[in-house]
Amino acid sequence: MIVVNAKMITNDENLELLKREVKNLETETRKEEGCIDYAFSIEMYEPSFVRITELWDNLESLKNHLKTEHVVDFIEAMSVNPTETEAHFYESNEFPLDF
């Protein structure tokens, strides 16, 4: 499984744009083959701080996602007033937590 853990620092103006653009991005991405989970969230006490969490079956699925029209459209829309984004990619295995 591939895990993407990203954070974005934005401003009030970009936050409204981000909210509009993410709706389609999340909806379409969740339909993609290999997508396990895909979500944007805003920190409760720091609304300019956005987290992006993605889970993919494999690296090929993630690479295909990055080429989709909805990702290209999202990147283009957000490039009008760029945000600061940092992303980290991990390969992981899920295991049950037994207490």
Protein backbone atom coordinates (compact mmCIF):
# COMPACT_ATOMS: atom_id res chain seq x y z
CA MET A 1 0.00 0.00 0.00
CA ILE A 2 1.20 3.52 -0.79
CA VAL A 3 0.50 6.28 1.76
CA VAL A 4 0.68 9.96 0.85
CA ASN A 5 0.87 12.40 3.73
CA ALA A 6 0.89 16.00 2.53
CA LYS A 7 0.35 19.39 4.07
CA MET A 8 -0.58 22.64 2.42
CA ILE A 9 -0.32 26.13 3.87
CA THR A 10 -2.80 28.50 2.31
CA ASN A 11 -4.60 31.78 3.00
CA ASP A 12 -8.24 32.88 3.27
CA GLU A 13 -8.55 33.62 -0.44
CA ASN A 14 -7.03 30.30 -1.49
CA LEU A 15 -9.00 28.39 1.12
CA GLU A 16 -12.29 29.27 -0.58
CA LEU A 17 -10.86 28.31 -3.98
CA LEU A 18 -9.47 25.11 -2.49
CA LYS A 19 -12.87 24.15 -1.04
CA ARG A 20 -14.52 24.59 -4.45
CA GLU A 21 -11.85 22.67 -6.35
CA VAL A 22 -11.47 19.79 -3.90
CA LYS A 23 -15.09 18.68 -4.19
CA ASN A 24 -14.65 17.40 -7.75
CA LEU A 25 -11.11 16.19 -7.09
CA GLU A 26 -12.13 14.02 -4.12
CA THR A 27 -15.26 12.70 -5.84
CA GLU A 28 -13.46 11.67 -9.03
CA THR A 29 -10.35 10.37 -7.29
CA ARG A 30 -12.35 8.04 -5.03
CA LYS A 31 -13.72 6.36 -8.18
CA GLU A 32 -10.22 5.55 -9.47
CA GLU A 33 -8.93 2.01 -9.56
CA GLY A 34 -6.50 1.49 -6.71
CA CYS A 35 -7.77 4.35 -4.54
CA ILE A 36 -8.39 3.13 -1.00
CA ASP A 37 -8.91 6.55 0.61
CA TYR A 38 -8.46 10.17 -0.41
CA ALA A 39 -9.21 13.15 1.82
CA PHE A 40 -8.45 16.80 2.48
CA SER A 41 -8.91 18.19 5.99
CA ILE A 42 -8.46 21.59 7.62
CA GLU A 43 -6.86 21.83 11.04
CA MET A 44 -9.37 23.00 13.63
CA TYR A 45 -7.16 25.63 15.24
CA GLU A 46 -5.17 26.66 12.18
CA PRO A 47 -7.52 26.95 9.20
CA SER A 48 -4.69 27.91 6.83
CA PHE A 49 -3.16 24.47 7.41
CA VAL A 50 -4.64 21.74 5.17
CA ARG A 51 -3.74 18.05 5.34
CA ILE A 52 -4.04 15.65 2.42
CA THR A 53 -4.13 11.92 3.11
CA GLU A 54 -4.14 9.32 0.37
CA LEU A 55 -4.04 5.53 0.42
CA TRP A 56 -3.37 3.62 -2.80
CA ASP A 57 -3.18 -0.09 -3.59
CA ASN A 58 0.13 0.37 -5.36
CA LEU A 59 2.53 2.89 -6.88
CA GLU A 60 1.13 2.40 -10.39
CA SER A 61 -2.33 3.50 -9.21
CA LEU A 62 -0.86 6.67 -7.67
CA LYS A 63 1.12 7.45 -10.82
CA ASN A 64 -2.01 6.99 -12.96
CA HIS A 65 -3.94 9.28 -10.60
CA LEU A 66 -1.43 12.08 -11.08
CA LYS A 67 -2.10 12.00 -14.85
CA THR A 68 -5.90 12.27 -14.63
CA GLU A 69 -7.84 15.24 -15.93
CA HIS A 70 -9.22 16.11 -12.48
CA VAL A 71 -5.71 16.32 -10.98
CA VAL A 72 -4.45 18.43 -13.88
CA ASP A 73 -7.50 20.72 -13.52
CA PHE A 74 -6.95 21.04 -9.77
CA ILE A 75 -3.28 21.92 -10.16
CA GLU A 76 -4.12 24.48 -12.84
CA ALA A 77 -6.83 26.11 -10.70
CA MET A 78 -4.55 26.32 -7.66
CA SER A 79 -1.63 27.72 -9.66
CA VAL A 80 -3.40 31.08 -9.98
CA ASN A 81 -2.41 31.86 -6.41
CA PRO A 82 0.06 29.13 -5.39
CA THR A 83 0.11 27.56 -1.96
CA GLU A 84 3.02 26.04 -0.10
CA THR A 85 2.76 22.26 -0.27
CA GLU A 86 4.95 19.50 1.14
CA ALA A 87 4.25 15.82 0.39
CA HIS A 88 5.76 12.59 1.65
CA PHE A 89 5.24 9.15 0.11
CA TYR A 90 5.51 5.85 1.98
CA GLU A 91 5.13 2.17 1.23
CA SER A 92 3.42 0.38 4.11
CA ASN A 93 1.63 -2.73 5.26
CA GLU A 94 -1.55 -2.75 7.30
CA PHE A 95 -1.72 -4.94 10.38
CA PRO A 96 -4.39 -5.56 13.02
CA LEU A 97 -3.85 -3.91 16.39
CA ASP A 98 -4.46 -6.43 19.15
CA PHE A 99 -4.44 -5.24 22.75
